[in-house]
Amino acid sequence: FEETKPKLLAIDDQMELVMTMKQGNSTNEDFIKLMTKEVKVYTKHGGSFLWGKTQQLELVKRKTAALKIFISENSTAWTKEEETETEKLIRKRLDEEILAMAIMKRADKKR
């Protein structure tokens, strides 16, 4: 990935690749797999795909709501491990929502 060019430039090139993708003649399934693969390459090498202040605020909001539910059901707060795991799950869900939006935007509208 970054062996042929500086890492920052490689990340930028990968983001450009993802942002300019179009479905073209590929099937819906193939296009979804391709987009998912290219976004994974981007995030693996240090990018945070379309993650910004809005997503960070949503993460905090969902984490707070989950904690309230947990406390009401268990009468105790999370352990550090439970908090970390919950945050990872919420972050994964938000990342999936972002990816789905990006795929829908770039998919062929006639399919």
PDB file of N, CA and C in Angstrom:
ATOM      1  N   PHE A   1       0.834  -1.198   0.000  1.00  0.00           N
ATOM      2  CA  PHE A   1       0.000   0.000   0.000  1.00  0.00           C
ATOM      3  C   PHE A   1       0.866   1.243   0.000  1.00  0.00           C
ATOM      4  N   GLU A   2       1.565   1.513   1.098  1.00  0.00           N
ATOM      5  CA  GLU A   2       2.359   2.731   1.157  1.00  0.00           C
ATOM      6  C   GLU A   2       3.818   2.525   0.762  1.00  0.00           C
ATOM      7  N   GLU A   3       4.156   1.353   0.265  1.00  0.00           N
ATOM      8  CA  GLU A   3       5.543   1.078  -0.079  1.00  0.00           C
ATOM      9  C   GLU A   3       5.999   1.857  -1.309  1.00  0.00           C
ATOM     10  N   THR A   4       5.084   2.180  -2.213  1.00  0.00           N
ATOM     11  CA  THR A   4       5.471   2.860  -3.442  1.00  0.00           C
ATOM     12  C   THR A   4       5.326   4.373  -3.350  1.00  0.00           C
ATOM     13  N   LYS A   5       4.607   4.872  -2.362  1.00  0.00           N
ATOM     14  CA  LYS A   5       4.434   6.308  -2.177  1.00  0.00           C
ATOM     15  C   LYS A   5       4.207   6.599  -0.709  1.00  0.00           C
ATOM     16  N   PRO A   6       4.362   7.854  -0.299  1.00  0.00           N
ATOM     17  CA  PRO A   6       4.136   8.192   1.112  1.00  0.00           C
ATOM     18  C   PRO A   6       2.726   7.789   1.565  1.00  0.00           C
ATOM     19  N   LYS A   7       2.623   7.371   2.825  1.00  0.00           N
ATOM     20  CA  LYS A   7       1.360   6.845   3.352  1.00  0.00           C
ATOM     21  C   LYS A   7       0.212   7.841   3.200  1.00  0.00           C
ATOM     22  N   LEU A   8       0.440   9.096   3.494  1.00  0.00           N
ATOM     23  CA  LEU A   8      -0.625  10.094   3.397  1.00  0.00           C
ATOM     24  C   LEU A   8      -1.139  10.211   1.965  1.00  0.00           C
ATOM     25  N   LEU A   9      -0.243  10.194   1.000  1.00  0.00           N
ATOM     26  CA  LEU A   9      -0.644  10.259  -0.402  1.00  0.00           C
ATOM     27  C   LEU A   9      -1.401   8.997  -0.804  1.00  0.00           C
ATOM     28  N   ALA A  10      -0.959   7.848  -0.324  1.00  0.00           N
ATOM     29  CA  ALA A  10      -1.636   6.587  -0.632  1.00  0.00           C
ATOM     30  C   ALA A  10      -3.051   6.582  -0.048  1.00  0.00           C
ATOM     31  N   ILE A  11      -3.211   7.093   1.173  1.00  0.00           N
ATOM     32  CA  ILE A  11      -4.543   7.173   1.790  1.00  0.00           C
ATOM     33  C   ILE A  11      -5.432   8.112   0.984  1.00  0.00           C
ATOM     34  N   ASP A  12      -4.882   9.237   0.565  1.00  0.00           N
ATOM     35  CA  ASP A  12      -5.638  10.190  -0.248  1.00  0.00           C
ATOM     36  C   ASP A  12      -6.058   9.554  -1.572  1.00  0.00           C
ATOM     37  N   ASP A  13      -5.156   8.845  -2.211  1.00  0.00           N
ATOM     38  CA  ASP A  13      -5.478   8.167  -3.474  1.00  0.00           C
ATOM     39  C   ASP A  13      -6.580   7.128  -3.278  1.00  0.00           C
ATOM     40  N   GLN A  14      -6.524   6.398  -2.167  1.00  0.00           N
ATOM     41  CA  GLN A  14      -7.535   5.385  -1.892  1.00  0.00           C
ATOM     42  C   GLN A  14      -8.900   6.046  -1.673  1.00  0.00           C
ATOM     43  N   MET A  15      -8.927   7.161  -0.946  1.00  0.00           N
ATOM     44  CA  MET A  15     -10.190   7.873  -0.728  1.00  0.00           C
ATOM     45  C   MET A  15     -10.739   8.373  -2.064  1.00  0.00           C
ATOM     46  N   GLU A  16      -9.864   8.885  -2.915  1.00  0.00           N
ATOM     47  CA  GLU A  16     -10.301   9.349  -4.234  1.00  0.00           C
ATOM     48  C   GLU A  16     -10.890   8.193  -5.041  1.00  0.00           C
ATOM     49  N   LEU A  17     -10.253   7.039  -4.975  1.00  0.00           N
ATOM     50  CA  LEU A  17     -10.753   5.860  -5.675  1.00  0.00           C
ATOM     51  C   LEU A  17     -12.166   5.515  -5.214  1.00  0.00           C
ATOM     52  N   VAL A  18     -12.363   5.488  -3.907  1.00  0.00           N
ATOM     53  CA  VAL A  18     -13.672   5.154  -3.344  1.00  0.00           C
ATOM     54  C   VAL A  18     -14.710   6.201  -3.748  1.00  0.00           C
ATOM     55  N   MET A  19     -14.351   7.464  -3.645  1.00  0.00           N
ATOM     56  CA  MET A  19     -15.310   8.533  -3.909  1.00  0.00           C
ATOM     57  C   MET A  19     -15.691   8.663  -5.377  1.00  0.00           C
ATOM     58  N   THR A  20     -14.867   8.165  -6.266  1.00  0.00           N
ATOM     59  CA  THR A  20     -15.173   8.280  -7.691  1.00  0.00           C
ATOM     60  C   THR A  20     -15.748   6.996  -8.279  1.00  0.00           C
ATOM     61  N   MET A  21     -15.931   5.981  -7.461  1.00  0.00           N
ATOM     62  CA  MET A  21     -16.466   4.706  -7.949  1.00  0.00           C
ATOM     63  C   MET A  21     -17.909   4.861  -8.396  1.00  0.00           C
ATOM     64  N   LYS A  22     -18.249   4.146  -9.452  1.00  0.00           N
ATOM     65  CA  LYS A  22     -19.616   4.041  -9.941  1.00  0.00           C
ATOM     66  C   LYS A  22     -19.892   2.569 -10.220  1.00  0.00           C
ATOM     67  N   GLN A  23     -21.146   2.188 -10.149  1.00  0.00           N
ATOM     68  CA  GLN A  23     -21.493   0.787 -10.325  1.00  0.00           C
ATOM     69  C   GLN A  23     -21.250   0.304 -11.751  1.00  0.00           C
ATOM     70  N   GLY A  24     -21.571   1.101 -12.710  1.00  0.00           N
ATOM     71  CA  GLY A  24     -21.369   0.683 -14.096  1.00  0.00           C
ATOM     72  C   GLY A  24     -22.151  -0.571 -14.431  1.00  0.00           C
ATOM     73  N   ASN A  25     -21.496  -1.552 -15.023  1.00  0.00           N
ATOM     74  CA  ASN A  25     -22.160  -2.786 -15.444  1.00  0.00           C
ATOM     75  C   ASN A  25     -22.118  -3.902 -14.406  1.00  0.00           C
ATOM     76  N   SER A  26     -21.498  -3.662 -13.257  1.00  0.00           N
ATOM     77  CA  SER A  26     -21.393  -4.735 -12.258  1.00  0.00           C
ATOM     78  C   SER A  26     -22.738  -4.953 -11.563  1.00  0.00           C
ATOM     79  N   THR A  27     -22.919  -6.159 -11.071  1.00  0.00           N
ATOM     80  CA  THR A  27     -24.153  -6.475 -10.349  1.00  0.00           C
ATOM     81  C   THR A  27     -24.154  -5.741  -9.015  1.00  0.00           C
ATOM     82  N   ASN A  28     -25.318  -5.647  -8.402  1.00  0.00           N
ATOM     83  CA  ASN A  28     -25.415  -4.998  -7.092  1.00  0.00           C
ATOM     84  C   ASN A  28     -24.498  -5.691  -6.088  1.00  0.00           C
ATOM     85  N   GLU A  29     -24.525  -7.017  -6.078  1.00  0.00           N
ATOM     86  CA  GLU A  29     -23.712  -7.785  -5.134  1.00  0.00           C
ATOM     87  C   GLU A  29     -22.221  -7.526  -5.350  1.00  0.00           C
ATOM     88  N   ASP A  30     -21.781  -7.542  -6.603  1.00  0.00           N
ATOM     89  CA  ASP A  30     -20.370  -7.295  -6.900  1.00  0.00           C
ATOM     90  C   ASP A  30     -19.953  -5.878  -6.520  1.00  0.00           C
ATOM     91  N   PHE A  31     -20.822  -4.923  -6.783  1.00  0.00           N
ATOM     92  CA  PHE A  31     -20.508  -3.539  -6.457  1.00  0.00           C
ATOM     93  C   PHE A  31     -20.401  -3.334  -4.942  1.00  0.00           C
ATOM     94  N   ILE A  32     -21.307  -3.925  -4.201  1.00  0.00           N
ATOM     95  CA  ILE A  32     -21.262  -3.812  -2.734  1.00  0.00           C
ATOM     96  C   ILE A  32     -19.973  -4.438  -2.202  1.00  0.00           C
ATOM     97  N   LYS A  33     -19.604  -5.608  -2.729  1.00  0.00           N
ATOM     98  CA  LYS A  33     -18.360  -6.257  -2.296  1.00  0.00           C
ATOM     99  C   LYS A  33     -17.143  -5.391  -2.619  1.00  0.00           C
ATOM    100  N   LEU A  34     -17.127  -4.815  -3.811  1.00  0.00           N
ATOM    101  CA  LEU A  34     -16.003  -3.970  -4.220  1.00  0.00           C
ATOM    102  C   LEU A  34     -15.896  -2.727  -3.348  1.00  0.00           C
ATOM    103  N   MET A  35     -17.011  -2.044  -3.118  1.00  0.00           N
ATOM    104  CA  MET A  35     -16.988  -0.844  -2.267  1.00  0.00           C
ATOM    105  C   MET A  35     -16.532  -1.190  -0.856  1.00  0.00           C
ATOM    106  N   THR A  36     -17.070  -2.279  -0.324  1.00  0.00           N
ATOM    107  CA  THR A  36     -16.701  -2.699   1.027  1.00  0.00           C
ATOM    108  C   THR A  36     -15.211  -3.000   1.107  1.00  0.00           C
ATOM    109  N   LYS A  37     -14.689  -3.700   0.108  1.00  0.00           N
ATOM    110  CA  LYS A  37     -13.261  -4.034   0.079  1.00  0.00           C
ATOM    111  C   LYS A  37     -12.396  -2.775   0.031  1.00  0.00           C
ATOM    112  N   GLU A  38     -12.756  -1.840  -0.831  1.00  0.00           N
ATOM    113  CA  GLU A  38     -11.946  -0.629  -0.984  1.00  0.00           C
ATOM    114  C   GLU A  38     -11.998   0.260   0.263  1.00  0.00           C
ATOM    115  N   VAL A  39     -13.147   0.316   0.922  1.00  0.00           N
ATOM    116  CA  VAL A  39     -13.244   1.083   2.167  1.00  0.00           C
ATOM    117  C   VAL A  39     -12.434   0.404   3.266  1.00  0.00           C
ATOM    118  N   LYS A  40     -12.439  -0.933   3.307  1.00  0.00           N
ATOM    119  CA  LYS A  40     -11.621  -1.656   4.295  1.00  0.00           C
ATOM    120  C   LYS A  40     -10.135  -1.376   4.077  1.00  0.00           C
ATOM    121  N   VAL A  41      -9.714  -1.330   2.824  1.00  0.00           N
ATOM    122  CA  VAL A  41      -8.318  -1.000   2.527  1.00  0.00           C
ATOM    123  C   VAL A  41      -8.003   0.393   3.067  1.00  0.00           C
ATOM    124  N   TYR A  42      -8.887   1.318   2.826  1.00  0.00           N
ATOM    125  CA  TYR A  42      -8.698   2.696   3.294  1.00  0.00           C
ATOM    126  C   TYR A  42      -8.591   2.762   4.819  1.00  0.00           C
ATOM    127  N   THR A  43      -9.527   2.131   5.515  1.00  0.00           N
ATOM    128  CA  THR A  43      -9.510   2.203   6.981  1.00  0.00           C
ATOM    129  C   THR A  43      -8.353   1.411   7.584  1.00  0.00           C
ATOM    130  N   LYS A  44      -7.971   0.321   6.944  1.00  0.00           N
ATOM    131  CA  LYS A  44      -6.855  -0.490   7.443  1.00  0.00           C
ATOM    132  C   LYS A  44      -5.562   0.318   7.493  1.00  0.00           C
ATOM    133  N   HIS A  45      -5.411   1.227   6.577  1.00  0.00           N
ATOM    134  CA  HIS A  45      -4.173   1.993   6.488  1.00  0.00           C
ATOM    135  C   HIS A  45      -4.260   3.368   7.136  1.00  0.00           C
ATOM    136  N   GLY A  46      -5.234   3.545   8.009  1.00  0.00           N
ATOM    137  CA  GLY A  46      -5.248   4.753   8.825  1.00  0.00           C
ATOM    138  C   GLY A  46      -6.324   5.760   8.519  1.00  0.00           C
ATOM    139  N   GLY A  47      -7.097   5.533   7.489  1.00  0.00           N
ATOM    140  CA  GLY A  47      -8.181   6.463   7.182  1.00  0.00           C
ATOM    141  C   GLY A  47      -9.389   6.193   8.059  1.00  0.00           C
ATOM    142  N   SER A  48     -10.230   7.187   8.186  1.00  0.00           N
ATOM    143  CA  SER A  48     -11.480   7.037   8.917  1.00  0.00           C
ATOM    144  C   SER A  48     -12.574   7.489   7.967  1.00  0.00           C
ATOM    145  N   PHE A  49     -13.209   6.541   7.290  1.00  0.00           N
ATOM    146  CA  PHE A  49     -14.097   6.824   6.170  1.00  0.00           C
ATOM    147  C   PHE A  49     -15.280   7.683   6.581  1.00  0.00           C
ATOM    148  N   LEU A  50     -15.277   8.929   6.132  1.00  0.00           N
ATOM    149  CA  LEU A  50     -16.349   9.899   6.343  1.00  0.00           C
ATOM    150  C   LEU A  50     -16.729  10.070   7.812  1.00  0.00           C
ATOM    151  N   TRP A  51     -15.786   9.915   8.708  1.00  0.00           N
ATOM    152  CA  TRP A  51     -16.049  10.068  10.138  1.00  0.00           C
ATOM    153  C   TRP A  51     -15.736  11.508  10.515  1.00  0.00           C
ATOM    154  N   GLY A  52     -16.710  12.183  11.081  1.00  0.00           N
ATOM    155  CA  GLY A  52     -16.516  13.575  11.458  1.00  0.00           C
ATOM    156  C   GLY A  52     -17.192  13.892  12.783  1.00  0.00           C
ATOM    157  N   LYS A  53     -17.365  15.163  13.030  1.00  0.00           N
ATOM    158  CA  LYS A  53     -17.938  15.626  14.290  1.00  0.00           C
ATOM    159  C   LYS A  53     -19.352  15.070  14.493  1.00  0.00           C
ATOM    160  N   THR A  54     -20.142  15.052  13.432  1.00  0.00           N
ATOM    161  CA  THR A  54     -21.515  14.548  13.527  1.00  0.00           C
ATOM    162  C   THR A  54     -21.536  13.091  13.974  1.00  0.00           C
ATOM    163  N   GLN A  55     -20.650  12.282  13.407  1.00  0.00           N
ATOM    164  CA  GLN A  55     -20.607  10.874  13.775  1.00  0.00           C
ATOM    165  C   GLN A  55     -20.087  10.696  15.202  1.00  0.00           C
ATOM    166  N   GLN A  56     -19.143  11.523  15.600  1.00  0.00           N
ATOM    167  CA  GLN A  56     -18.632  11.449  16.970  1.00  0.00           C
ATOM    168  C   GLN A  56     -19.729  11.796  17.970  1.00  0.00           C
ATOM    169  N   LEU A  57     -20.524  12.822  17.656  1.00  0.00           N
ATOM    170  CA  LEU A  57     -21.637  13.191  18.538  1.00  0.00           C
ATOM    171  C   LEU A  57     -22.680  12.073  18.589  1.00  0.00           C
ATOM    172  N   GLU A  58     -22.940  11.446  17.456  1.00  0.00           N
ATOM    173  CA  GLU A  58     -23.898  10.330  17.414  1.00  0.00           C
ATOM    174  C   GLU A  58     -23.378   9.147  18.233  1.00  0.00           C
ATOM    175  N   LEU A  59     -22.083   8.891  18.173  1.00  0.00           N
ATOM    176  CA  LEU A  59     -21.472   7.821  18.972  1.00  0.00           C
ATOM    177  C   LEU A  59     -21.706   8.085  20.456  1.00  0.00           C
ATOM    178  N   VAL A  60     -21.451   9.302  20.892  1.00  0.00           N
ATOM    179  CA  VAL A  60     -21.644   9.659  22.309  1.00  0.00           C
ATOM    180  C   VAL A  60     -23.117   9.524  22.697  1.00  0.00           C
ATOM    181  N   LYS A  61     -24.000   9.984  21.823  1.00  0.00           N
ATOM    182  CA  LYS A  61     -25.444   9.907  22.081  1.00  0.00           C
ATOM    183  C   LYS A  61     -25.899   8.459  22.238  1.00  0.00           C
ATOM    184  N   ARG A  62     -25.483   7.591  21.320  1.00  0.00           N
ATOM    185  CA  ARG A  62     -25.892   6.187  21.377  1.00  0.00           C
ATOM    186  C   ARG A  62     -25.267   5.468  22.568  1.00  0.00           C
ATOM    187  N   LYS A  63     -24.031   5.827  22.888  1.00  0.00           N
ATOM    188  CA  LYS A  63     -23.353   5.206  24.026  1.00  0.00           C
ATOM    189  C   LYS A  63     -24.059   5.594  25.329  1.00  0.00           C
ATOM    190  N   THR A  64     -24.449   6.853  25.440  1.00  0.00           N
ATOM    191  CA  THR A  64     -25.164   7.333  26.625  1.00  0.00           C
ATOM    192  C   THR A  64     -26.505   6.622  26.772  1.00  0.00           C
ATOM    193  N   ALA A  65     -27.226   6.477  25.669  1.00  0.00           N
ATOM    194  CA  ALA A  65     -28.512   5.777  25.705  1.00  0.00           C
ATOM    195  C   ALA A  65     -28.328   4.320  26.104  1.00  0.00           C
ATOM    196  N   ALA A  66     -27.309   3.672  25.569  1.00  0.00           N
ATOM    197  CA  ALA A  66     -27.044   2.273  25.912  1.00  0.00           C
ATOM    198  C   ALA A  66     -26.692   2.127  27.396  1.00  0.00           C
ATOM    199  N   LEU A  67     -25.934   3.068  27.924  1.00  0.00           N
ATOM    200  CA  LEU A  67     -25.569   3.023  29.345  1.00  0.00           C
ATOM    201  C   LEU A  67     -26.811   3.173  30.219  1.00  0.00           C
ATOM    202  N   LYS A  68     -27.710   4.073  29.854  1.00  0.00           N
ATOM    203  CA  LYS A  68     -28.938   4.258  30.635  1.00  0.00           C
ATOM    204  C   LYS A  68     -29.758   2.970  30.667  1.00  0.00           C
ATOM    205  N   ILE A  69     -29.868   2.318  29.532  1.00  0.00           N
ATOM    206  CA  ILE A  69     -30.604   1.050  29.467  1.00  0.00           C
ATOM    207  C   ILE A  69     -29.911  -0.009  30.317  1.00  0.00           C
ATOM    208  N   PHE A  70     -28.581  -0.081  30.212  1.00  0.00           N
ATOM    209  CA  PHE A  70     -27.817  -1.067  30.977  1.00  0.00           C
ATOM    210  C   PHE A  70     -28.010  -0.849  32.481  1.00  0.00           C
ATOM    211  N   ILE A  71     -27.932   0.398  32.919  1.00  0.00           N
ATOM    212  CA  ILE A  71     -28.095   0.698  34.350  1.00  0.00           C
ATOM    213  C   ILE A  71     -29.503   0.357  34.819  1.00  0.00           C
ATOM    214  N   SER A  72     -30.510   0.675  33.995  1.00  0.00           N
ATOM    215  CA  SER A  72     -31.891   0.372  34.409  1.00  0.00           C
ATOM    216  C   SER A  72     -32.138  -1.133  34.508  1.00  0.00           C
ATOM    217  N   GLU A  73     -31.463  -1.906  33.679  1.00  0.00           N
ATOM    218  CA  GLU A  73     -31.655  -3.357  33.697  1.00  0.00           C
ATOM    219  C   GLU A  73     -30.771  -4.069  34.707  1.00  0.00           C
ATOM    220  N   ASN A  74     -29.611  -3.487  35.054  1.00  0.00           N
ATOM    221  CA  ASN A  74     -28.634  -4.178  35.905  1.00  0.00           C
ATOM    222  C   ASN A  74     -28.329  -3.477  37.218  1.00  0.00           C
ATOM    223  N   SER A  75     -28.857  -2.291  37.400  1.00  0.00           N
ATOM    224  CA  SER A  75     -28.631  -1.495  38.611  1.00  0.00           C
ATOM    225  C   SER A  75     -27.148  -1.255  38.899  1.00  0.00           C
ATOM    226  N   THR A  76     -26.345  -1.253  37.860  1.00  0.00           N
ATOM    227  CA  THR A  76     -24.918  -0.971  38.003  1.00  0.00           C
ATOM    228  C   THR A  76     -24.388  -0.445  36.676  1.00  0.00           C
ATOM    229  N   ALA A  77     -23.268   0.253  36.737  1.00  0.00           N
ATOM    230  CA  ALA A  77     -22.653   0.787  35.518  1.00  0.00           C
ATOM    231  C   ALA A  77     -21.786  -0.287  34.853  1.00  0.00           C
ATOM    232  N   TRP A  78     -21.322   0.025  33.652  1.00  0.00           N
ATOM    233  CA  TRP A  78     -20.452  -0.885  32.910  1.00  0.00           C
ATOM    234  C   TRP A  78     -19.096  -1.034  33.576  1.00  0.00           C
ATOM    235  N   THR A  79     -18.481  -2.177  33.341  1.00  0.00           N
ATOM    236  CA  THR A  79     -17.060  -2.292  33.638  1.00  0.00           C
ATOM    237  C   THR A  79     -16.328  -1.618  32.480  1.00  0.00           C
ATOM    238  N   LYS A  80     -15.060  -1.390  32.628  1.00  0.00           N
ATOM    239  CA  LYS A  80     -14.278  -0.754  31.555  1.00  0.00           C
ATOM    240  C   LYS A  80     -14.318  -1.610  30.291  1.00  0.00           C
ATOM    241  N   GLU A  81     -14.247  -2.926  30.456  1.00  0.00           N
ATOM    242  CA  GLU A  81     -14.294  -3.829  29.309  1.00  0.00           C
ATOM    243  C   GLU A  81     -15.644  -3.753  28.594  1.00  0.00           C
ATOM    244  N   GLU A  82     -16.733  -3.702  29.366  1.00  0.00           N
ATOM    245  CA  GLU A  82     -18.069  -3.603  28.775  1.00  0.00           C
ATOM    246  C   GLU A  82     -18.237  -2.279  28.036  1.00  0.00           C
ATOM    247  N   GLU A  83     -17.703  -1.231  28.605  1.00  0.00           N
ATOM    248  CA  GLU A  83     -17.781   0.082  27.957  1.00  0.00           C
ATOM    249  C   GLU A  83     -17.018   0.077  26.631  1.00  0.00           C
ATOM    250  N   THR A  84     -15.824  -0.481  26.648  1.00  0.00           N
ATOM    251  CA  THR A  84     -15.006  -0.556  25.437  1.00  0.00           C
ATOM    252  C   THR A  84     -15.699  -1.384  24.363  1.00  0.00           C
ATOM    253  N   GLU A  85     -16.244  -2.529  24.754  1.00  0.00           N
ATOM    254  CA  GLU A  85     -16.936  -3.407  23.802  1.00  0.00           C
ATOM    255  C   GLU A  85     -18.177  -2.726  23.232  1.00  0.00           C
ATOM    256  N   THR A  86     -18.940  -2.051  24.079  1.00  0.00           N
ATOM    257  CA  THR A  86     -20.143  -1.349  23.614  1.00  0.00           C
ATOM    258  C   THR A  86     -19.777  -0.245  22.635  1.00  0.00           C
ATOM    259  N   GLU A  87     -18.740   0.499  22.936  1.00  0.00           N
ATOM    260  CA  GLU A  87     -18.311   1.564  22.041  1.00  0.00           C
ATOM    261  C   GLU A  87     -17.860   1.005  20.689  1.00  0.00           C
ATOM    262  N   LYS A  88     -17.156  -0.117  20.712  1.00  0.00           N
ATOM    263  CA  LYS A  88     -16.731  -0.756  19.456  1.00  0.00           C
ATOM    264  C   LYS A  88     -17.940  -1.180  18.622  1.00  0.00           C
ATOM    265  N   LEU A  89     -18.941  -1.748  19.269  1.00  0.00           N
ATOM    266  CA  LEU A  89     -20.138  -2.190  18.551  1.00  0.00           C
ATOM    267  C   LEU A  89     -20.905  -1.009  17.956  1.00  0.00           C
ATOM    268  N   ILE A  90     -21.026   0.057  18.727  1.00  0.00           N
ATOM    269  CA  ILE A  90     -21.722   1.249  18.236  1.00  0.00           C
ATOM    270  C   ILE A  90     -20.941   1.867  17.079  1.00  0.00           C
ATOM    271  N   ARG A  91     -19.634   1.946  17.226  1.00  0.00           N
ATOM    272  CA  ARG A  91     -18.794   2.503  16.155  1.00  0.00           C
ATOM    273  C   ARG A  91     -18.916   1.663  14.877  1.00  0.00           C
ATOM    274  N   LYS A  92     -18.937   0.344  15.036  1.00  0.00           N
ATOM    275  CA  LYS A  92     -19.083  -0.540  13.878  1.00  0.00           C
ATOM    276  C   LYS A  92     -20.420  -0.288  13.181  1.00  0.00           C
ATOM    277  N   ARG A  93     -21.461  -0.148  13.951  1.00  0.00           N
ATOM    278  CA  ARG A  93     -22.794   0.122  13.389  1.00  0.00           C
ATOM    279  C   ARG A  93     -22.804   1.450  12.633  1.00  0.00           C
ATOM    280  N   LEU A  94     -22.212   2.475  13.202  1.00  0.00           N
ATOM    281  CA  LEU A  94     -22.144   3.775  12.523  1.00  0.00           C
ATOM    282  C   LEU A  94     -21.320   3.680  11.241  1.00  0.00           C
ATOM    283  N   ASP A  95     -20.213   2.961  11.291  1.00  0.00           N
ATOM    284  CA  ASP A  95     -19.393   2.772  10.085  1.00  0.00           C
ATOM    285  C   ASP A  95     -20.189   2.062   8.997  1.00  0.00           C
ATOM    286  N   GLU A  96     -20.991   1.075   9.379  1.00  0.00           N
ATOM    287  CA  GLU A  96     -21.817   0.347   8.412  1.00  0.00           C
ATOM    288  C   GLU A  96     -22.877   1.264   7.800  1.00  0.00           C
ATOM    289  N   GLU A  97     -23.448   2.154   8.607  1.00  0.00           N
ATOM    290  CA  GLU A  97     -24.436   3.101   8.100  1.00  0.00           C
ATOM    291  C   GLU A  97     -23.797   4.070   7.091  1.00  0.00           C
ATOM    292  N   ILE A  98     -22.594   4.526   7.390  1.00  0.00           N
ATOM    293  CA  ILE A  98     -21.874   5.427   6.487  1.00  0.00           C
ATOM    294  C   ILE A  98     -21.567   4.715   5.174  1.00  0.00           C
ATOM    295  N   LEU A  99     -21.082   3.481   5.259  1.00  0.00           N
ATOM    296  CA  LEU A  99     -20.768   2.710   4.064  1.00  0.00           C
ATOM    297  C   LEU A  99     -22.021   2.469   3.225  1.00  0.00           C
ATOM    298  N   ALA A 100     -23.130   2.131   3.868  1.00  0.00           N
ATOM    299  CA  ALA A 100     -24.378   1.897   3.147  1.00  0.00           C
ATOM    300  C   ALA A 100     -24.806   3.155   2.391  1.00  0.00           C
ATOM    301  N   MET A 101     -24.680   4.303   3.029  1.00  0.00           N
ATOM    302  CA  MET A 101     -25.037   5.562   2.379  1.00  0.00           C
ATOM    303  C   MET A 101     -24.141   5.817   1.173  1.00  0.00           C
ATOM    304  N   ALA A 102     -22.857   5.559   1.314  1.00  0.00           N
ATOM    305  CA  ALA A 102     -21.916   5.773   0.216  1.00  0.00           C
ATOM    306  C   ALA A 102     -22.206   4.828  -0.949  1.00  0.00           C
ATOM    307  N   ILE A 103     -22.544   3.591  -0.646  1.00  0.00           N
ATOM    308  CA  ILE A 103     -22.874   2.620  -1.693  1.00  0.00           C
ATOM    309  C   ILE A 103     -24.149   3.050  -2.417  1.00  0.00           C
ATOM    310  N   MET A 104     -25.158   3.418  -1.668  1.00  0.00           N
ATOM    311  CA  MET A 104     -26.421   3.827  -2.293  1.00  0.00           C
ATOM    312  C   MET A 104     -26.230   5.037  -3.203  1.00  0.00           C
ATOM    313  N   LYS A 105     -25.402   5.954  -2.804  1.00  0.00           N
ATOM    314  CA  LYS A 105     -25.166   7.157  -3.593  1.00  0.00           C
ATOM    315  C   LYS A 105     -24.475   6.826  -4.917  1.00  0.00           C
ATOM    316  N   ARG A 106     -23.606   5.836  -4.906  1.00  0.00           N
ATOM    317  CA  ARG A 106     -22.803   5.516  -6.086  1.00  0.00           C
ATOM    318  C   ARG A 106     -23.393   4.381  -6.929  1.00  0.00           C
ATOM    319  N   ALA A 107     -24.448   3.757  -6.435  1.00  0.00           N
ATOM    320  CA  ALA A 107     -25.068   2.647  -7.158  1.00  0.00           C
ATOM    321  C   ALA A 107     -25.868   3.162  -8.358  1.00  0.00           C
ATOM    322  N   ASP A 108     -26.045   2.292  -9.327  1.00  0.00           N
ATOM    323  CA  ASP A 108     -26.851   2.604 -10.502  1.00  0.00           C
ATOM    324  C   ASP A 108     -28.302   2.803 -10.066  1.00  0.00           C
ATOM    325  N   LYS A 109     -28.869   3.947 -10.364  1.00  0.00           N
ATOM    326  CA  LYS A 109     -30.216   4.285  -9.910  1.00  0.00           C
ATOM    327  C   LYS A 109     -31.300   3.458 -10.606  1.00  0.00           C
ATOM    328  N   LYS A 110     -30.963   2.799 -11.710  1.00  0.00           N
ATOM    329  CA  LYS A 110     -31.942   2.023 -12.484  1.00  0.00           C
ATOM    330  C   LYS A 110     -32.056   0.589 -11.997  1.00  0.00           C
ATOM    331  N   ARG A 111     -31.315   0.212 -10.974  1.00  0.00           N
ATOM    332  CA  ARG A 111     -31.351  -1.170 -10.500  1.00  0.00           C
ATOM    333  C   ARG A 111     -32.142  -1.262  -9.230  1.00  0.00           C
TER     334      ARG A 111
END
